[in-house]
Amino acid sequence: MAPLRISFLIRSVYDLLPSNANLVRWGKKEDPTCPLCQGRQTTEHVLSSCKIALSQGRYTWRHNRVLQELAAIISTAKEETTLPKTKALIFTTERGAKSWHGRPVRTTNQIKCLLDGCDDWDDSADLPECDSHPSIIKETRLRPDIVMHSASTQQLITVELIVPYENSMEEAHIYKREKYLNMTKEPENAGY
C-alpha cells in the first residue's frame, strides 16, 4: 500500500484529517461548517454524513469503486477454484488382485473457500458494466450488490456492500440484513 494511503488511513482513524472542525481546533481556520450543507464538518461528516454529498452521488461513486474492486477479486478467485479432486491409485497384479506398492499419497478434499466444490458459479455485480442478476433474484425489486449462483450445488450467495463510518457499522449491518430478509425466503423454498 502506498505510504500516502497508509498515512490517510491512520489520520482518518484518529480524526486527524484537515476537516474544517479540526482546522478550527488547530487555530488554522475560524469557521467549522461544511461548504456544502453548512453542518459541522468533521471527518465523519466528510466521509459519510453530508446530506448534500449524498444527494450529489459522491458516496455512490465511492461505493461503486469499492464494489468494482470486490467484483474483480471474486472473478479472480472464481477462476482459481477447482473441484475437489480424489486420487485413486490402483495397481493390478498378475492374479488380478488390487494392491499398492509404494508410499501412501495424501489427498485432500478440504474446501478452502466458499467457491470450492463446484465450477459453475455465475456471478454478477450491480454495476453498469456487469450482466444482470440470476433469474432467482430478478423477481424482486431489490438489487444486491453481488450475487453468486451455482445451479449444480444449489448455492446462492448475496453480498450487500455498505461503506459506513466506523461508528455506524452495526446500524448499517442491521439495516441491510432486514432489507434482504424477505428476498432469501423464495430461494430457500426452491431448495437453496
C-alpha atoms as a PDB file:
ATOM      1  CA  MET A   1       0.000   0.000   0.000  1.00  0.00           C
ATOM      2  CA  ALA A   2       1.348   3.416  -0.875  1.00  0.00           C
ATOM      3  CA  PRO A   3       2.700   5.480   2.037  1.00  0.00           C
ATOM      4  CA  LEU A   4       0.197   8.286   1.426  1.00  0.00           C
ATOM      5  CA  ARG A   5      -2.708   5.850   1.653  1.00  0.00           C
ATOM      6  CA  ILE A   6      -1.404   4.461   4.930  1.00  0.00           C
ATOM      7  CA  SER A   7      -0.971   7.994   6.238  1.00  0.00           C
ATOM      8  CA  PHE A   8      -4.537   8.853   5.218  1.00  0.00           C
ATOM      9  CA  LEU A   9      -5.929   5.727   6.884  1.00  0.00           C
ATOM     10  CA  ILE A  10      -4.107   6.354  10.148  1.00  0.00           C
ATOM     11  CA  ARG A  11      -5.070  10.026  10.252  1.00  0.00           C
ATOM     12  CA  SER A  12      -8.717   9.239   9.445  1.00  0.00           C
ATOM     13  CA  VAL A  13      -8.957   6.671  12.257  1.00  0.00           C
ATOM     14  CA  TYR A  14      -7.647   9.187  14.796  1.00  0.00           C
ATOM     15  CA  ASP A  15      -9.668  12.087  13.342  1.00  0.00           C
ATOM     16  CA  LEU A  16      -6.531  13.972  12.325  1.00  0.00           C
ATOM     17  CA  LEU A  17      -7.516  14.865   8.770  1.00  0.00           C
ATOM     18  CA  PRO A  18      -7.762  18.586   7.981  1.00  0.00           C
ATOM     19  CA  SER A  19     -11.545  18.899   8.206  1.00  0.00           C
ATOM     20  CA  ASN A  20     -12.894  22.371   8.935  1.00  0.00           C
ATOM     21  CA  ALA A  21     -13.676  21.364  12.536  1.00  0.00           C
ATOM     22  CA  ASN A  22     -10.074  20.210  13.043  1.00  0.00           C
ATOM     23  CA  LEU A  23      -8.669  23.312  11.341  1.00  0.00           C
ATOM     24  CA  VAL A  24     -10.650  25.443  13.809  1.00  0.00           C
ATOM     25  CA  ARG A  25      -9.342  23.349  16.711  1.00  0.00           C
ATOM     26  CA  TRP A  26      -5.777  23.768  15.425  1.00  0.00           C
ATOM     27  CA  GLY A  27      -6.219  27.544  15.050  1.00  0.00           C
ATOM     28  CA  LYS A  28      -5.892  27.461  11.247  1.00  0.00           C
ATOM     29  CA  LYS A  29      -9.470  28.462  10.417  1.00  0.00           C
ATOM     30  CA  GLU A  30     -12.389  30.219  12.081  1.00  0.00           C
ATOM     31  CA  ASP A  31     -15.418  28.527  10.513  1.00  0.00           C
ATOM     32  CA  PRO A  32     -16.057  24.779  11.167  1.00  0.00           C
ATOM     33  CA  THR A  33     -19.018  24.469   8.785  1.00  0.00           C
ATOM     34  CA  CYS A  34     -19.270  22.297   5.698  1.00  0.00           C
ATOM     35  CA  PRO A  35     -19.293  24.367   2.491  1.00  0.00           C
ATOM     36  CA  LEU A  36     -21.958  22.078   1.020  1.00  0.00           C
ATOM     37  CA  CYS A  37     -24.563  21.756   3.778  1.00  0.00           C
ATOM     38  CA  GLN A  38     -23.466  24.234   6.461  1.00  0.00           C
ATOM     39  CA  GLY A  39     -23.283  21.450   9.080  1.00  0.00           C
ATOM     40  CA  ARG A  40     -20.212  20.955  11.290  1.00  0.00           C
ATOM     41  CA  GLN A  41     -17.545  19.461   9.018  1.00  0.00           C
ATOM     42  CA  THR A  42     -15.822  16.606  10.871  1.00  0.00           C
ATOM     43  CA  THR A  43     -14.011  13.638   9.335  1.00  0.00           C
ATOM     44  CA  GLU A  44     -17.146  11.520   9.816  1.00  0.00           C
ATOM     45  CA  HIS A  45     -19.237  14.214   8.145  1.00  0.00           C
ATOM     46  CA  VAL A  46     -16.938  14.353   5.105  1.00  0.00           C
ATOM     47  CA  LEU A  47     -16.668  10.569   4.720  1.00  0.00           C
ATOM     48  CA  SER A  48     -20.277   9.523   5.301  1.00  0.00           C
ATOM     49  CA  SER A  49     -22.729  12.057   6.727  1.00  0.00           C
ATOM     50  CA  CYS A  50     -23.051  15.093   4.462  1.00  0.00           C
ATOM     51  CA  LYS A  51     -26.586  15.083   3.039  1.00  0.00           C
ATOM     52  CA  ILE A  52     -25.638  17.245   0.048  1.00  0.00           C
ATOM     53  CA  ALA A  53     -22.713  14.980  -0.879  1.00  0.00           C
ATOM     54  CA  LEU A  54     -25.100  12.027  -0.610  1.00  0.00           C
ATOM     55  CA  SER A  55     -27.642  13.659  -2.923  1.00  0.00           C
ATOM     56  CA  GLN A  56     -24.882  14.503  -5.430  1.00  0.00           C
ATOM     57  CA  GLY A  57     -23.813  10.865  -5.652  1.00  0.00           C
ATOM     58  CA  ARG A  58     -20.367  11.302  -4.106  1.00  0.00           C
ATOM     59  CA  TYR A  59     -20.826   8.365  -1.711  1.00  0.00           C
ATOM     60  CA  THR A  60     -22.336   6.249  -4.505  1.00  0.00           C
ATOM     61  CA  TRP A  61     -19.197   6.784  -6.570  1.00  0.00           C
ATOM     62  CA  ARG A  62     -17.017   5.600  -3.665  1.00  0.00           C
ATOM     63  CA  HIS A  63     -19.341   2.628  -3.048  1.00  0.00           C
ATOM     64  CA  ASN A  64     -19.158   1.614  -6.724  1.00  0.00           C
ATOM     65  CA  ARG A  65     -15.358   1.871  -6.775  1.00  0.00           C
ATOM     66  CA  VAL A  66     -15.146  -0.496  -3.782  1.00  0.00           C
ATOM     67  CA  LEU A  67     -17.712  -2.778  -5.451  1.00  0.00           C
ATOM     68  CA  GLN A  68     -15.673  -2.874  -8.691  1.00  0.00           C
ATOM     69  CA  GLU A  69     -12.589  -3.963  -6.738  1.00  0.00           C
ATOM     70  CA  LEU A  70     -14.554  -6.611  -4.840  1.00  0.00           C
ATOM     71  CA  ALA A  71     -16.128  -7.958  -8.044  1.00  0.00           C
ATOM     72  CA  ALA A  72     -12.688  -8.205  -9.674  1.00  0.00           C
ATOM     73  CA  ILE A  73     -11.319 -10.121  -6.671  1.00  0.00           C
ATOM     74  CA  ILE A  74     -14.269 -12.534  -6.769  1.00  0.00           C
ATOM     75  CA  SER A  75     -13.826 -13.109 -10.510  1.00  0.00           C
ATOM     76  CA  THR A  76     -10.158 -13.916  -9.974  1.00  0.00           C
ATOM     77  CA  ALA A  77     -10.969 -16.259  -7.081  1.00  0.00           C
ATOM     78  CA  LYS A  78     -13.653 -17.959  -9.180  1.00  0.00           C
ATOM     79  CA  GLU A  79     -11.130 -18.690 -11.923  1.00  0.00           C
ATOM     80  CA  GLU A  80      -8.663 -20.160  -9.420  1.00  0.00           C
ATOM     81  CA  THR A  81     -11.084 -22.512  -7.652  1.00  0.00           C
ATOM     82  CA  THR A  82     -11.381 -26.090  -8.751  1.00  0.00           C
ATOM     83  CA  LEU A  83     -13.458 -29.084  -7.879  1.00  0.00           C
ATOM     84  CA  PRO A  84     -12.082 -31.177  -5.025  1.00  0.00           C
ATOM     85  CA  LYS A  85     -10.053 -33.961  -6.531  1.00  0.00           C
ATOM     86  CA  THR A  86      -9.762 -37.532  -5.305  1.00  0.00           C
ATOM     87  CA  LYS A  87      -6.933 -39.705  -6.452  1.00  0.00           C
ATOM     88  CA  ALA A  88      -7.432 -43.408  -6.855  1.00  0.00           C
ATOM     89  CA  LEU A  89      -4.098 -45.107  -7.369  1.00  0.00           C
ATOM     90  CA  ILE A  90      -4.813 -48.750  -8.100  1.00  0.00           C
ATOM     91  CA  PHE A  91      -2.407 -51.322  -9.406  1.00  0.00           C
ATOM     92  CA  THR A  92      -3.352 -54.768 -10.591  1.00  0.00           C
ATOM     93  CA  THR A  93      -1.104 -57.776 -10.065  1.00  0.00           C
ATOM     94  CA  GLU A  94      -0.795 -60.766 -12.380  1.00  0.00           C
ATOM     95  CA  ARG A  95      -3.576 -62.534 -10.483  1.00  0.00           C
ATOM     96  CA  GLY A  96      -5.941 -59.571 -10.784  1.00  0.00           C
ATOM     97  CA  ALA A  97      -5.758 -58.537  -7.127  1.00  0.00           C
ATOM     98  CA  LYS A  98      -5.557 -54.832  -6.333  1.00  0.00           C
ATOM     99  CA  SER A  99      -2.508 -53.729  -4.430  1.00  0.00           C
ATOM    100  CA  TRP A 100      -0.431 -50.637  -3.792  1.00  0.00           C
ATOM    101  CA  HIS A 101       3.341 -50.766  -3.817  1.00  0.00           C
ATOM    102  CA  GLY A 102       4.977 -47.607  -2.588  1.00  0.00           C
ATOM    103  CA  ARG A 103       4.443 -44.714  -0.246  1.00  0.00           C
ATOM    104  CA  PRO A 104       0.926 -43.555   0.584  1.00  0.00           C
ATOM    105  CA  VAL A 105      -0.264 -40.490  -1.310  1.00  0.00           C
ATOM    106  CA  ARG A 106      -2.019 -37.834   0.712  1.00  0.00           C
ATOM    107  CA  THR A 107      -5.112 -36.411  -0.973  1.00  0.00           C
ATOM    108  CA  THR A 108      -7.335 -33.663   0.289  1.00  0.00           C
ATOM    109  CA  ASN A 109     -10.979 -32.840  -0.254  1.00  0.00           C
ATOM    110  CA  GLN A 110     -10.871 -29.948   2.153  1.00  0.00           C
ATOM    111  CA  ILE A 111     -12.842 -26.938   0.963  1.00  0.00           C
ATOM    112  CA  LYS A 112     -10.774 -23.796   1.456  1.00  0.00           C
ATOM    113  CA  CYS A 113     -13.170 -21.254   0.025  1.00  0.00           C
ATOM    114  CA  LEU A 114     -16.914 -20.771  -0.480  1.00  0.00           C
ATOM    115  CA  LEU A 115     -16.322 -21.142  -4.198  1.00  0.00           C
ATOM    116  CA  ASP A 116     -14.620 -24.538  -3.925  1.00  0.00           C
ATOM    117  CA  GLY A 117     -16.732 -27.589  -4.617  1.00  0.00           C
ATOM    118  CA  CYS A 118     -18.276 -26.630  -7.946  1.00  0.00           C
ATOM    119  CA  ASP A 119     -17.210 -24.993 -11.160  1.00  0.00           C
ATOM    120  CA  ASP A 120     -20.441 -23.466 -12.443  1.00  0.00           C
ATOM    121  CA  TRP A 121     -20.534 -20.239 -10.448  1.00  0.00           C
ATOM    122  CA  ASP A 122     -22.469 -17.494 -12.188  1.00  0.00           C
ATOM    123  CA  ASP A 123     -21.654 -14.143 -10.638  1.00  0.00           C
ATOM    124  CA  SER A 124     -22.942 -10.664 -11.282  1.00  0.00           C
ATOM    125  CA  ALA A 125     -22.482  -7.280  -9.686  1.00  0.00           C
ATOM    126  CA  ASP A 126     -24.913  -4.390  -9.613  1.00  0.00           C
ATOM    127  CA  LEU A 127     -22.691  -2.256 -11.815  1.00  0.00           C
ATOM    128  CA  PRO A 128     -23.445  -0.825 -15.276  1.00  0.00           C
ATOM    129  CA  GLU A 129     -20.788  -2.963 -16.980  1.00  0.00           C
ATOM    130  CA  CYS A 130     -21.950  -6.281 -15.456  1.00  0.00           C
ATOM    131  CA  ASP A 131     -24.627  -8.741 -16.501  1.00  0.00           C
ATOM    132  CA  SER A 132     -27.982  -8.848 -14.765  1.00  0.00           C
ATOM    133  CA  HIS A 133     -28.597 -10.987 -11.698  1.00  0.00           C
ATOM    134  CA  PRO A 134     -29.732 -14.645 -11.968  1.00  0.00           C
ATOM    135  CA  SER A 135     -33.438 -15.259 -12.528  1.00  0.00           C
ATOM    136  CA  ILE A 136     -33.937 -16.426  -8.951  1.00  0.00           C
ATOM    137  CA  ILE A 137     -33.117 -12.861  -7.831  1.00  0.00           C
ATOM    138  CA  LYS A 138     -34.629 -10.910 -10.739  1.00  0.00           C
ATOM    139  CA  GLU A 139     -38.173 -11.393  -9.497  1.00  0.00           C
ATOM    140  CA  THR A 140     -37.721  -8.876  -6.670  1.00  0.00           C
ATOM    141  CA  ARG A 141     -37.102  -5.166  -6.921  1.00  0.00           C
ATOM    142  CA  LEU A 142     -34.139  -5.469  -4.550  1.00  0.00           C
ATOM    143  CA  ARG A 143     -30.696  -5.307  -6.118  1.00  0.00           C
ATOM    144  CA  PRO A 144     -27.956  -6.908  -4.006  1.00  0.00           C
ATOM    145  CA  ASP A 145     -24.524  -5.612  -4.941  1.00  0.00           C
ATOM    146  CA  ILE A 146     -23.106  -9.041  -5.813  1.00  0.00           C
ATOM    147  CA  VAL A 147     -24.972 -12.288  -6.475  1.00  0.00           C
ATOM    148  CA  MET A 148     -23.237 -15.626  -6.965  1.00  0.00           C
ATOM    149  CA  HIS A 149     -25.239 -18.648  -8.032  1.00  0.00           C
ATOM    150  CA  SER A 150     -24.354 -22.314  -8.531  1.00  0.00           C
ATOM    151  CA  ALA A 151     -27.080 -24.449 -10.085  1.00  0.00           C
ATOM    152  CA  SER A 152     -25.252 -27.747  -9.526  1.00  0.00           C
ATOM    153  CA  THR A 153     -24.898 -27.302  -5.758  1.00  0.00           C
ATOM    154  CA  GLN A 154     -27.927 -25.022  -5.372  1.00  0.00           C
ATOM    155  CA  GLN A 155     -25.954 -22.357  -3.568  1.00  0.00           C
ATOM    156  CA  LEU A 156     -26.805 -18.687  -3.660  1.00  0.00           C
ATOM    157  CA  ILE A 157     -24.501 -16.071  -2.164  1.00  0.00           C
ATOM    158  CA  THR A 158     -25.569 -12.451  -1.977  1.00  0.00           C
ATOM    159  CA  VAL A 159     -23.248  -9.647  -0.972  1.00  0.00           C
ATOM    160  CA  GLU A 160     -24.510  -6.238   0.007  1.00  0.00           C
ATOM    161  CA  LEU A 161     -21.785  -3.651   0.366  1.00  0.00           C
ATOM    162  CA  ILE A 162     -22.067  -0.587   2.531  1.00  0.00           C
ATOM    163  CA  VAL A 163     -19.271   1.840   3.271  1.00  0.00           C
ATOM    164  CA  PRO A 164     -20.224   3.349   6.646  1.00  0.00           C
ATOM    165  CA  TYR A 165     -18.137   5.331   9.089  1.00  0.00           C
ATOM    166  CA  GLU A 166     -16.860   3.182  11.955  1.00  0.00           C
ATOM    167  CA  ASN A 167     -19.466   4.328  14.499  1.00  0.00           C
ATOM    168  CA  SER A 168     -22.418   3.287  12.323  1.00  0.00           C
ATOM    169  CA  MET A 169     -21.315  -0.190  11.213  1.00  0.00           C
ATOM    170  CA  GLU A 170     -23.695  -2.092  13.490  1.00  0.00           C
ATOM    171  CA  GLU A 171     -26.669   0.029  12.400  1.00  0.00           C
ATOM    172  CA  ALA A 172     -25.753  -0.460   8.746  1.00  0.00           C
ATOM    173  CA  HIS A 173     -25.441  -4.229   9.227  1.00  0.00           C
ATOM    174  CA  ILE A 174     -28.877  -4.482  10.869  1.00  0.00           C
ATOM    175  CA  TYR A 175     -30.442  -2.294   8.163  1.00  0.00           C
ATOM    176  CA  LYS A 176     -29.048  -4.399   5.309  1.00  0.00           C
ATOM    177  CA  ARG A 177     -29.968  -7.714   6.975  1.00  0.00           C
ATOM    178  CA  GLU A 178     -33.565  -6.621   7.458  1.00  0.00           C
ATOM    179  CA  LYS A 179     -33.749  -5.179   3.940  1.00  0.00           C
ATOM    180  CA  TYR A 180     -32.873  -8.506   2.290  1.00  0.00           C
ATOM    181  CA  LEU A 181     -34.524 -10.890   4.764  1.00  0.00           C
ATOM    182  CA  ASN A 182     -37.656 -11.447   2.654  1.00  0.00           C
ATOM    183  CA  MET A 183     -35.622 -11.900  -0.533  1.00  0.00           C
ATOM    184  CA  THR A 184     -33.976 -15.036   0.892  1.00  0.00           C
ATOM    185  CA  LYS A 185     -37.259 -16.871   1.529  1.00  0.00           C
ATOM    186  CA  GLU A 186     -38.069 -17.633  -2.120  1.00  0.00           C
ATOM    187  CA  PRO A 187     -34.666 -19.201  -2.919  1.00  0.00           C
ATOM    188  CA  GLU A 188     -34.852 -21.210   0.325  1.00  0.00           C
ATOM    189  CA  ASN A 189     -38.239 -22.566  -0.758  1.00  0.00           C
ATOM    190  CA  ALA A 190     -36.673 -23.521  -4.096  1.00  0.00           C
ATOM    191  CA  GLY A 191     -34.062 -25.653  -2.301  1.00  0.00           C
ATOM    192  CA  TYR A 192     -31.181 -23.207  -1.930  1.00  0.00           C
END
